[in-house]
């Protein structure tokens, strides 16, 4: 997703929406505990799982906007979804009387696995939100995440009537903690507006820590122009020397008469 849509304002809106859905879920859960009506229980179940699906979407959007927290928040999202799937299978198995009953070995294993995964998920939520900003994280996420495992462990190691009391107390404690988580999300929705989104680095424009000068296209060096070489003209051949046949005086090849005796050069 582009960071154009993942702004602190849009993340703040998702925080508020998630808080609203979770608040409705806790209210329906509380009413269904006091008034055991089948239709009301199904309505609560829809809002309960819808609230956590919206919460998972919140983790994804926040991780895409604040990249230093992406690893923790994406991990929390994946673990939370797995936990919800296990929890949903247990709920449907208990409701319809499938083989995944609450007291079967497979059901117990899935129940503890879902509780452990929920604790891991909300621990990562706290770590991821703290990386976004110190004001965004809150230890309440960790407390809510592991509270279910605590009461579940106590329930399986106690007997009647203590186990029924533990189950009832655990149910209302979880409702209260989830309501507090929703309130924290709503409050933090205003704080996250102050945290600037982190732009995504484009792979097409890597940064090397220094700039390089851009050179113009290569031009070969110009050679020094020299005066054109003149054609070599050999010196005029010296006139051949000869001797007068009458007096023996020296005459040139062009002379017709000897300068010494005046005789005609033959």
Protein backbone atom coordinates (compact mmCIF):
# COMPACT_ATOMS: atom_id res chain seq x y z
CA UNK A 1 0.00 0.00 0.00
CA UNK A 2 1.09 3.50 -0.66
CA UNK A 3 2.02 5.79 2.20
CA UNK A 4 -0.22 8.41 0.60
CA UNK A 5 -3.21 6.71 2.24
CA UNK A 6 -1.33 5.51 5.35
CA UNK A 7 -1.17 8.83 7.17
CA UNK A 8 -1.22 9.37 10.95
CA UNK A 9 -4.76 10.71 10.57
CA UNK A 10 -5.96 7.55 8.77
CA UNK A 11 -4.27 5.33 11.39
CA UNK A 12 -5.96 7.36 14.10
CA UNK A 13 -9.33 6.70 12.46
CA UNK A 14 -8.69 2.94 12.36
CA UNK A 15 -7.73 3.08 16.06
CA UNK A 16 -11.10 4.68 16.85
CA UNK A 17 -13.08 2.24 14.71
CA UNK A 18 -11.33 -0.75 16.34
CA UNK A 19 -12.03 0.66 19.79
CA UNK A 20 -15.70 1.13 18.92
CA UNK A 21 -16.18 -2.42 17.65
CA UNK A 22 -14.43 -3.88 20.71
CA UNK A 23 -16.59 -1.80 23.07
CA UNK A 24 -19.77 -3.10 21.37
CA UNK A 25 -18.36 -6.62 21.64
CA UNK A 26 -17.72 -6.32 25.38
CA UNK A 27 -21.18 -4.89 26.01
CA UNK A 28 -22.83 -7.74 24.09
CA UNK A 29 -20.65 -10.27 25.92
CA UNK A 30 -21.65 -8.83 29.27
CA UNK A 31 -25.35 -8.82 28.38
CA UNK A 32 -25.22 -12.38 27.01
CA UNK A 33 -23.66 -13.54 30.29
CA UNK A 34 -26.48 -11.96 32.27
CA UNK A 35 -29.25 -12.85 29.80
CA UNK A 36 -28.56 -16.27 28.22
CA UNK A 37 -30.35 -15.87 24.89
CA UNK A 38 -29.19 -17.81 21.86
CA UNK A 39 -29.62 -14.96 19.37
CA UNK A 40 -27.81 -12.56 21.67
CA UNK A 41 -24.91 -14.97 22.05
CA UNK A 42 -24.55 -15.30 18.28
CA UNK A 43 -24.63 -11.51 17.90
CA UNK A 44 -21.89 -11.19 20.49
CA UNK A 45 -19.82 -13.84 18.72
CA UNK A 46 -20.03 -11.96 15.41
CA UNK A 47 -18.93 -8.69 16.99
CA UNK A 48 -16.25 -10.42 19.05
CA UNK A 49 -14.47 -11.92 16.05
CA UNK A 50 -15.16 -8.86 13.92
CA UNK A 51 -13.46 -6.72 16.55
CA UNK A 52 -10.29 -8.82 16.44
CA UNK A 53 -10.31 -8.91 12.63
CA UNK A 54 -10.45 -5.11 12.62
CA UNK A 55 -7.69 -5.11 15.22
CA UNK A 56 -5.55 -7.29 12.92
CA UNK A 57 -6.18 -4.80 10.11
CA UNK A 58 -5.08 -2.02 12.45
CA UNK A 59 -1.79 -3.83 13.06
CA UNK A 60 -1.22 -4.18 9.31
CA UNK A 61 -1.98 -0.52 8.57
CA UNK A 62 0.23 0.70 11.41
CA UNK A 63 3.12 -1.51 10.30
CA UNK A 64 2.84 -0.19 6.73
CA UNK A 65 2.98 3.39 8.02
CA UNK A 66 5.71 3.02 10.68
CA UNK A 67 8.28 0.68 9.16
CA UNK A 68 10.43 0.30 12.28
CA UNK A 69 7.49 -1.51 13.93
CA UNK A 70 6.43 -3.54 10.89
CA UNK A 71 8.11 -6.80 11.94
CA UNK A 72 6.55 -6.89 15.40
CA UNK A 73 3.09 -5.79 14.28
CA UNK A 74 2.95 -8.17 11.30
CA UNK A 75 4.03 -11.01 13.58
CA UNK A 76 1.32 -10.06 16.07
CA UNK A 77 -1.23 -9.99 13.25
CA UNK A 78 -0.35 -13.49 12.00
CA UNK A 79 -0.29 -15.05 15.49
CA UNK A 80 -3.56 -13.33 16.42
CA UNK A 81 -5.33 -14.68 13.32
CA UNK A 82 -4.16 -18.23 14.07
CA UNK A 83 -5.39 -17.85 17.65
CA UNK A 84 -8.78 -16.63 16.42
CA UNK A 85 -9.14 -19.61 14.08
CA UNK A 86 -8.47 -22.06 16.90
CA UNK A 87 -10.82 -20.19 19.21
CA UNK A 88 -13.57 -20.14 16.59
CA UNK A 89 -13.25 -23.89 15.98
CA UNK A 90 -13.57 -24.49 19.72
CA UNK A 91 -16.60 -22.21 19.98
CA UNK A 92 -18.39 -23.90 17.10
CA UNK A 93 -17.41 -27.35 18.34
CA UNK A 94 -18.82 -26.61 21.78
CA UNK A 95 -21.97 -25.00 20.40
CA UNK A 96 -22.85 -27.73 17.91
CA UNK A 97 -21.50 -30.66 19.93
CA UNK A 98 -18.76 -31.58 17.44
CA UNK A 99 -15.81 -33.80 18.30
CA UNK A 100 -13.92 -30.65 19.34
CA UNK A 101 -15.68 -30.62 22.68
CA UNK A 102 -14.32 -28.63 25.59
CA UNK A 103 -13.36 -31.70 27.64
CA UNK A 104 -11.69 -33.78 24.91
CA UNK A 105 -7.89 -33.98 24.76
CA UNK A 106 -7.85 -32.31 21.34
CA UNK A 107 -10.12 -29.57 22.61
CA UNK A 108 -7.92 -28.95 25.67
CA UNK A 109 -4.79 -28.77 23.53
CA UNK A 110 -6.44 -26.34 21.14
CA UNK A 111 -7.76 -24.29 24.05
CA UNK A 112 -4.32 -23.88 25.63
CA UNK A 113 -2.71 -23.29 22.23
CA UNK A 114 -5.18 -20.51 21.44
CA UNK A 115 -4.54 -18.89 24.84
CA UNK A 116 -0.76 -19.07 24.47
CA UNK A 117 -0.90 -17.64 20.96
CA UNK A 118 -3.11 -14.80 22.15
CA UNK A 119 -0.57 -13.97 24.85
CA UNK A 120 2.27 -13.95 22.29
CA UNK A 121 0.23 -11.83 19.88
CA UNK A 122 -0.59 -9.10 22.37
CA UNK A 123 2.95 -9.08 23.71
CA UNK A 124 4.10 -8.33 20.15
CA UNK A 125 1.37 -5.70 19.94
CA UNK A 126 2.86 -3.90 22.92
CA UNK A 127 6.39 -4.18 21.50
CA UNK A 128 5.31 -2.95 18.08
CA UNK A 129 3.26 -0.02 19.37
CA UNK A 130 6.16 0.99 21.63
CA UNK A 131 8.42 1.13 18.55
CA UNK A 132 5.91 3.44 16.91
CA UNK A 133 6.05 5.71 19.95
CA UNK A 134 6.51 5.32 23.67
CA UNK A 135 3.06 6.78 24.28
CA UNK A 136 1.40 4.28 21.96
CA UNK A 137 2.49 1.12 23.75
CA UNK A 138 0.81 0.02 26.96
CA UNK A 139 1.47 -2.97 29.30
CA UNK A 140 -2.29 -3.52 29.39
CA UNK A 141 -1.98 -5.36 26.06
CA UNK A 142 0.33 -7.92 27.69
CA UNK A 143 -1.95 -8.30 30.72
CA UNK A 144 -4.99 -8.90 28.52
CA UNK A 145 -3.09 -11.33 26.31
CA UNK A 146 -1.96 -13.64 29.10
CA UNK A 147 -4.93 -13.30 31.49
CA UNK A 148 -6.93 -15.97 29.66
CA UNK A 149 -4.08 -18.50 29.98
CA UNK A 150 -3.76 -17.72 33.69
CA UNK A 151 -7.40 -18.39 34.49
CA UNK A 152 -7.50 -21.39 32.15
CA UNK A 153 -4.55 -22.98 33.95
CA UNK A 154 -6.12 -22.37 37.38
CA UNK A 155 -9.43 -23.81 36.12
CA UNK A 156 -7.88 -27.09 34.99
CA UNK A 157 -5.99 -27.58 38.25
CA UNK A 158 -8.96 -27.00 40.54
CA UNK A 159 -12.16 -28.87 41.24
CA UNK A 160 -15.76 -28.00 41.93
CA UNK A 161 -16.93 -25.60 43.16
CA UNK A 162 -13.65 -23.65 42.86
CA UNK A 163 -13.29 -24.23 39.13
CA UNK A 164 -16.73 -22.74 38.45
CA UNK A 165 -15.81 -19.66 40.47
CA UNK A 166 -12.50 -19.34 38.58
CA UNK A 167 -14.30 -19.69 35.24
CA UNK A 168 -16.82 -16.99 36.14
CA UNK A 169 -14.20 -14.61 37.50
CA UNK A 170 -12.00 -15.22 34.47
CA UNK A 171 -14.89 -14.42 32.11
CA UNK A 172 -15.64 -11.05 33.71
CA UNK A 173 -11.95 -10.19 34.05
CA UNK A 174 -11.46 -10.81 30.32
CA UNK A 175 -14.50 -8.66 29.50
CA UNK A 176 -13.14 -5.86 31.68
CA UNK A 177 -9.63 -6.07 30.25
CA UNK A 178 -10.92 -6.06 26.67
CA UNK A 179 -12.99 -2.97 27.45
CA UNK A 180 -9.86 -1.30 28.88
CA UNK A 181 -7.93 -2.25 25.73
CA UNK A 182 -10.63 -0.54 23.67
CA UNK A 183 -10.39 2.57 25.83
CA UNK A 184 -6.59 2.62 25.48
CA UNK A 185 -6.91 2.34 21.69
CA UNK A 186 -9.31 5.27 21.64
CA UNK A 187 -7.01 7.41 23.79
CA UNK A 188 -3.91 6.50 21.77
CA UNK A 189 -5.73 7.42 18.55
CA UNK A 190 -5.10 11.08 19.43
CA UNK A 191 -1.45 10.52 20.38
CA UNK A 192 -0.57 8.78 17.13
CA UNK A 193 -1.53 11.88 15.15
CA UNK A 194 1.63 13.51 16.47
CA UNK A 195 3.93 10.80 15.08
CA UNK A 196 5.08 11.38 11.52
CA UNK A 197 4.71 8.52 9.08
CA UNK A 198 7.93 7.01 7.74
CA UNK A 199 8.29 7.31 3.96
CA UNK A 200 9.19 4.18 2.06
CA UNK A 201 12.56 4.32 0.33
CA UNK A 202 12.37 3.84 -3.41
CA UNK A 203 14.66 1.05 -4.67
CA UNK A 204 15.20 3.08 -7.84
CA UNK A 205 17.01 5.82 -5.94
CA UNK A 206 19.62 4.22 -3.62
CA UNK A 207 21.63 6.43 -1.32
CA UNK A 208 25.37 5.86 -1.18
CA UNK A 209 26.32 8.46 1.39
CA UNK A 210 27.93 10.81 -1.09
CA UNK A 211 27.08 12.49 -4.35
CA UNK A 212 28.91 12.06 -7.58
CA UNK A 213 29.54 14.70 -10.21
CA UNK A 214 27.70 14.16 -13.42
CA UNK A 215 30.04 14.32 -16.35
CA UNK A 216 29.13 15.47 -19.82
CA UNK A 217 29.47 13.18 -22.78
CA UNK A 218 33.00 12.23 -23.68
CA UNK A 219 34.78 14.31 -26.23
CA UNK A 220 38.14 13.22 -27.61
CA UNK A 221 41.04 15.65 -27.03
CA UNK A 222 41.75 17.92 -29.90
CA UNK A 223 45.11 17.40 -31.58
CA UNK A 224 47.37 20.37 -32.07
CA UNK A 225 47.12 21.68 -35.55
CA UNK A 226 50.43 21.96 -37.37
CA UNK A 227 51.35 23.76 -40.49
CA UNK A 228 51.05 21.54 -43.49
CA UNK A 229 54.37 20.16 -44.55
CA UNK A 230 55.58 21.78 -47.69
CA UNK A 231 56.67 19.56 -50.47
CA UNK A 232 60.38 19.03 -50.45
CA UNK A 233 62.05 20.78 -53.32
CA UNK A 234 65.55 19.52 -53.86
CA UNK A 235 68.14 22.20 -54.54
CA UNK A 236 68.88 22.90 -58.14
CA UNK A 237 71.43 20.64 -59.47
CA UNK A 238 74.75 22.34 -59.84
CA UNK A 239 75.75 22.97 -63.39
CA UNK A 240 78.11 20.35 -64.63
CA UNK A 241 81.70 21.59 -65.08
CA UNK A 242 83.69 21.13 -68.32
CA UNK A 243 87.04 22.14 -69.75
CA UNK A 244 87.81 24.06 -72.89
CA UNK A 245 89.38 21.87 -75.53
CA UNK A 246 91.61 24.72 -76.73
CA UNK A 247 93.00 26.28 -73.56
CA UNK A 248 91.88 23.91 -70.85
CA UNK A 249 90.03 26.60 -68.99
CA UNK A 250 86.96 25.82 -66.93
CA UNK A 251 83.65 26.39 -68.61
CA UNK A 252 80.07 25.69 -67.44
CA UNK A 253 77.59 23.52 -69.20
CA UNK A 254 75.63 26.56 -70.32
CA UNK A 255 78.56 28.49 -71.83
CA UNK A 256 78.82 28.59 -75.63
CA UNK A 257 82.22 30.33 -75.71
CA UNK A 258 85.16 29.90 -73.38
CA UNK A 259 85.62 32.91 -71.16
CA UNK A 260 89.34 32.37 -71.14
CA UNK A 261 90.21 32.06 -74.83
CA UNK A 262 86.95 32.91 -76.54
CA UNK A 263 86.92 29.70 -78.55
CA UNK A 264 83.56 28.18 -79.32
CA UNK A 265 82.63 25.41 -77.02
CA UNK A 266 82.23 22.24 -78.99
